[in-house]
Amino acid sequence: MEIELKPEHQQFIQAQIAAGKFASSDEVVDVALRLLEKLGNEYSQWIEETRAKVDVARAELDRDLRQQRHPRRDRRPAGGQHRHARGQSGPRPGAGRGLVRDARADAARRRGG
């Protein structure tokens, strides 16, 4: 394979050889290609790790939002009666949905979106 290099790349290679860092232009290109491959592999690994972290964060956010929508039963008033039993006042069912919208808006602001 024949490759034509830009003049600045040719000068860089010649300077590396002149400084005694490499014995030939083939050696310089070989090292450069191995470093490029290593960089690509490290980047791919970083992408995979970042995606896994995002998946964990999304699951935690989903869990938190579900908990806001459906509080645990042990937080209900004693006696097993729901607050909306006949004759008792309180917010209407589903009134907490605004909290979910607020939580999603806060999360979007923190992400910068």
C-alpha atoms as a PDB file:
ATOM      1  CA  MET A   1       0.000   0.000   0.000  1.00  0.00           C
ATOM      2  CA  GLU A   2       1.299   3.397  -0.908  1.00  0.00           C
ATOM      3  CA  ILE A   3       0.303   6.427   1.186  1.00  0.00           C
ATOM      4  CA  GLU A   4       0.992  10.057   0.465  1.00  0.00           C
ATOM      5  CA  LEU A   5       1.557  12.172   3.566  1.00  0.00           C
ATOM      6  CA  LYS A   6       1.106  15.909   4.015  1.00  0.00           C
ATOM      7  CA  PRO A   7       4.408  17.815   4.171  1.00  0.00           C
ATOM      8  CA  GLU A   8       3.933  18.628   7.890  1.00  0.00           C
ATOM      9  CA  HIS A   9       3.456  14.927   8.663  1.00  0.00           C
ATOM     10  CA  GLN A  10       6.560  14.020   6.664  1.00  0.00           C
ATOM     11  CA  GLN A  11       8.522  16.659   8.619  1.00  0.00           C
ATOM     12  CA  PHE A  12       7.196  15.302  11.919  1.00  0.00           C
ATOM     13  CA  ILE A  13       8.252  11.756  11.028  1.00  0.00           C
ATOM     14  CA  GLN A  14      11.716  12.902   9.924  1.00  0.00           C
ATOM     15  CA  ALA A  15      12.107  14.877  13.168  1.00  0.00           C
ATOM     16  CA  GLN A  16      11.212  11.769  15.226  1.00  0.00           C
ATOM     17  CA  ILE A  17      13.800   9.707  13.337  1.00  0.00           C
ATOM     18  CA  ALA A  18      16.444  12.475  13.616  1.00  0.00           C
ATOM     19  CA  ALA A  19      15.836  12.686  17.398  1.00  0.00           C
ATOM     20  CA  GLY A  20      16.555   8.956  17.636  1.00  0.00           C
ATOM     21  CA  LYS A  21      13.066   8.079  18.884  1.00  0.00           C
ATOM     22  CA  PHE A  22      12.429   5.773  15.927  1.00  0.00           C
ATOM     23  CA  ALA A  23      14.629   3.913  13.476  1.00  0.00           C
ATOM     24  CA  SER A  24      12.433   4.323  10.389  1.00  0.00           C
ATOM     25  CA  SER A  25       9.292   5.920   9.030  1.00  0.00           C
ATOM     26  CA  ASP A  26       7.646   2.475   9.033  1.00  0.00           C
ATOM     27  CA  GLU A  27       8.212   2.249  12.780  1.00  0.00           C
ATOM     28  CA  VAL A  28       6.667   5.709  13.341  1.00  0.00           C
ATOM     29  CA  VAL A  29       3.580   4.786  11.312  1.00  0.00           C
ATOM     30  CA  ASP A  30       3.294   1.420  13.096  1.00  0.00           C
ATOM     31  CA  VAL A  31       3.340   3.072  16.539  1.00  0.00           C
ATOM     32  CA  ALA A  32       0.886   5.746  15.384  1.00  0.00           C
ATOM     33  CA  LEU A  33      -1.561   3.119  14.126  1.00  0.00           C
ATOM     34  CA  ARG A  34      -1.280   1.053  17.329  1.00  0.00           C
ATOM     35  CA  LEU A  35      -1.997   4.185  19.388  1.00  0.00           C
ATOM     36  CA  LEU A  36      -4.968   5.018  17.180  1.00  0.00           C
ATOM     37  CA  GLU A  37      -6.330   1.494  17.668  1.00  0.00           C
ATOM     38  CA  LYS A  38      -5.819   1.714  21.451  1.00  0.00           C
ATOM     39  CA  LEU A  39      -7.574   5.092  21.550  1.00  0.00           C
ATOM     40  CA  GLY A  40     -10.510   3.687  19.600  1.00  0.00           C
ATOM     41  CA  ASN A  41     -10.795   0.700  21.954  1.00  0.00           C
ATOM     42  CA  GLU A  42     -10.625   2.907  25.047  1.00  0.00           C
ATOM     43  CA  TYR A  43     -13.274   5.209  23.594  1.00  0.00           C
ATOM     44  CA  SER A  44     -15.559   2.261  22.864  1.00  0.00           C
ATOM     45  CA  GLN A  45     -15.095   1.001  26.413  1.00  0.00           C
ATOM     46  CA  TRP A  46     -15.853   4.496  27.795  1.00  0.00           C
ATOM     47  CA  ILE A  47     -19.045   4.626  25.702  1.00  0.00           C
ATOM     48  CA  GLU A  48     -20.177   1.244  27.063  1.00  0.00           C
ATOM     49  CA  GLU A  49     -19.441   2.261  30.663  1.00  0.00           C
ATOM     50  CA  THR A  50     -21.211   5.601  30.225  1.00  0.00           C
ATOM     51  CA  ARG A  51     -24.283   3.945  28.717  1.00  0.00           C
ATOM     52  CA  ALA A  52     -24.411   1.531  31.664  1.00  0.00           C
ATOM     53  CA  LYS A  53     -24.234   4.451  34.106  1.00  0.00           C
ATOM     54  CA  VAL A  54     -27.004   6.252  32.224  1.00  0.00           C
ATOM     55  CA  ASP A  55     -29.146   3.095  32.361  1.00  0.00           C
ATOM     56  CA  VAL A  56     -28.643   2.886  36.147  1.00  0.00           C
ATOM     57  CA  ALA A  57     -29.505   6.577  36.578  1.00  0.00           C
ATOM     58  CA  ARG A  58     -32.636   6.210  34.443  1.00  0.00           C
ATOM     59  CA  ALA A  59     -33.772   3.193  36.463  1.00  0.00           C
ATOM     60  CA  GLU A  60     -33.241   5.110  39.707  1.00  0.00           C
ATOM     61  CA  LEU A  61     -35.172   8.100  38.378  1.00  0.00           C
ATOM     62  CA  ASP A  62     -38.005   5.858  37.172  1.00  0.00           C
ATOM     63  CA  ARG A  63     -38.117   4.159  40.570  1.00  0.00           C
ATOM     64  CA  ASP A  64     -38.205   7.522  42.370  1.00  0.00           C
ATOM     65  CA  LEU A  65     -40.972   8.797  40.095  1.00  0.00           C
ATOM     66  CA  ARG A  66     -43.006   5.608  40.675  1.00  0.00           C
ATOM     67  CA  GLN A  67     -42.599   6.057  44.422  1.00  0.00           C
ATOM     68  CA  GLN A  68     -43.862   9.644  44.154  1.00  0.00           C
ATOM     69  CA  ARG A  69     -46.890   8.485  42.187  1.00  0.00           C
ATOM     70  CA  HIS A  70     -47.637   5.490  44.421  1.00  0.00           C
ATOM     71  CA  PRO A  71     -46.529   6.131  48.008  1.00  0.00           C
ATOM     72  CA  ARG A  72     -46.107   3.087  50.202  1.00  0.00           C
ATOM     73  CA  ARG A  73     -49.259   1.804  51.848  1.00  0.00           C
ATOM     74  CA  ASP A  74     -47.848   2.136  55.369  1.00  0.00           C
ATOM     75  CA  ARG A  75     -48.027   5.938  55.005  1.00  0.00           C
ATOM     76  CA  ARG A  76     -51.816   5.871  54.928  1.00  0.00           C
ATOM     77  CA  PRO A  77     -53.786   6.808  58.044  1.00  0.00           C
ATOM     78  CA  ALA A  78     -54.203   4.236  60.795  1.00  0.00           C
ATOM     79  CA  GLY A  79     -57.191   1.937  60.670  1.00  0.00           C
ATOM     80  CA  GLY A  80     -56.707   1.040  57.033  1.00  0.00           C
ATOM     81  CA  GLN A  81     -59.098   3.724  55.834  1.00  0.00           C
ATOM     82  CA  HIS A  82     -58.126   5.774  52.823  1.00  0.00           C
ATOM     83  CA  ARG A  83     -58.234   9.554  53.240  1.00  0.00           C
ATOM     84  CA  HIS A  84     -60.935   9.761  50.604  1.00  0.00           C
ATOM     85  CA  ALA A  85     -63.468   7.745  52.524  1.00  0.00           C
ATOM     86  CA  ARG A  86     -66.899   9.282  52.584  1.00  0.00           C
ATOM     87  CA  GLY A  87     -67.050  12.427  54.695  1.00  0.00           C
ATOM     88  CA  GLN A  88     -63.288  13.081  54.806  1.00  0.00           C
ATOM     89  CA  SER A  89     -61.584  15.848  52.920  1.00  0.00           C
ATOM     90  CA  GLY A  90     -58.231  15.865  51.225  1.00  0.00           C
ATOM     91  CA  PRO A  91     -56.730  16.248  47.787  1.00  0.00           C
ATOM     92  CA  ARG A  92     -58.503  14.470  45.006  1.00  0.00           C
ATOM     93  CA  PRO A  93     -56.955  11.250  43.647  1.00  0.00           C
ATOM     94  CA  GLY A  94     -54.224  11.956  41.105  1.00  0.00           C
ATOM     95  CA  ALA A  95     -53.569  15.448  42.433  1.00  0.00           C
ATOM     96  CA  GLY A  96     -49.862  14.654  42.913  1.00  0.00           C
ATOM     97  CA  ARG A  97     -49.210  14.278  39.197  1.00  0.00           C
ATOM     98  CA  GLY A  98     -47.837  17.817  39.109  1.00  0.00           C
ATOM     99  CA  LEU A  99     -44.992  16.547  41.299  1.00  0.00           C
ATOM    100  CA  VAL A 100     -43.987  14.132  38.560  1.00  0.00           C
ATOM    101  CA  ARG A 101     -43.965  16.884  35.961  1.00  0.00           C
ATOM    102  CA  ASP A 102     -41.886  19.059  38.334  1.00  0.00           C
ATOM    103  CA  ALA A 103     -39.431  16.215  38.961  1.00  0.00           C
ATOM    104  CA  ARG A 104     -39.030  15.580  35.235  1.00  0.00           C
ATOM    105  CA  ALA A 105     -38.534  19.309  34.580  1.00  0.00           C
ATOM    106  CA  ASP A 106     -35.890  19.468  37.361  1.00  0.00           C
ATOM    107  CA  ALA A 107     -34.105  16.444  35.900  1.00  0.00           C
ATOM    108  CA  ALA A 108     -34.129  18.003  32.431  1.00  0.00           C
ATOM    109  CA  ARG A 109     -32.698  21.260  33.808  1.00  0.00           C
ATOM    110  CA  ARG A 110     -29.910  19.375  35.571  1.00  0.00           C
ATOM    111  CA  ARG A 111     -29.066  17.592  32.312  1.00  0.00           C
ATOM    112  CA  GLY A 112     -28.907  20.957  30.582  1.00  0.00           C
ATOM    113  CA  GLY A 113     -31.958  20.316  28.379  1.00  0.00           C
END
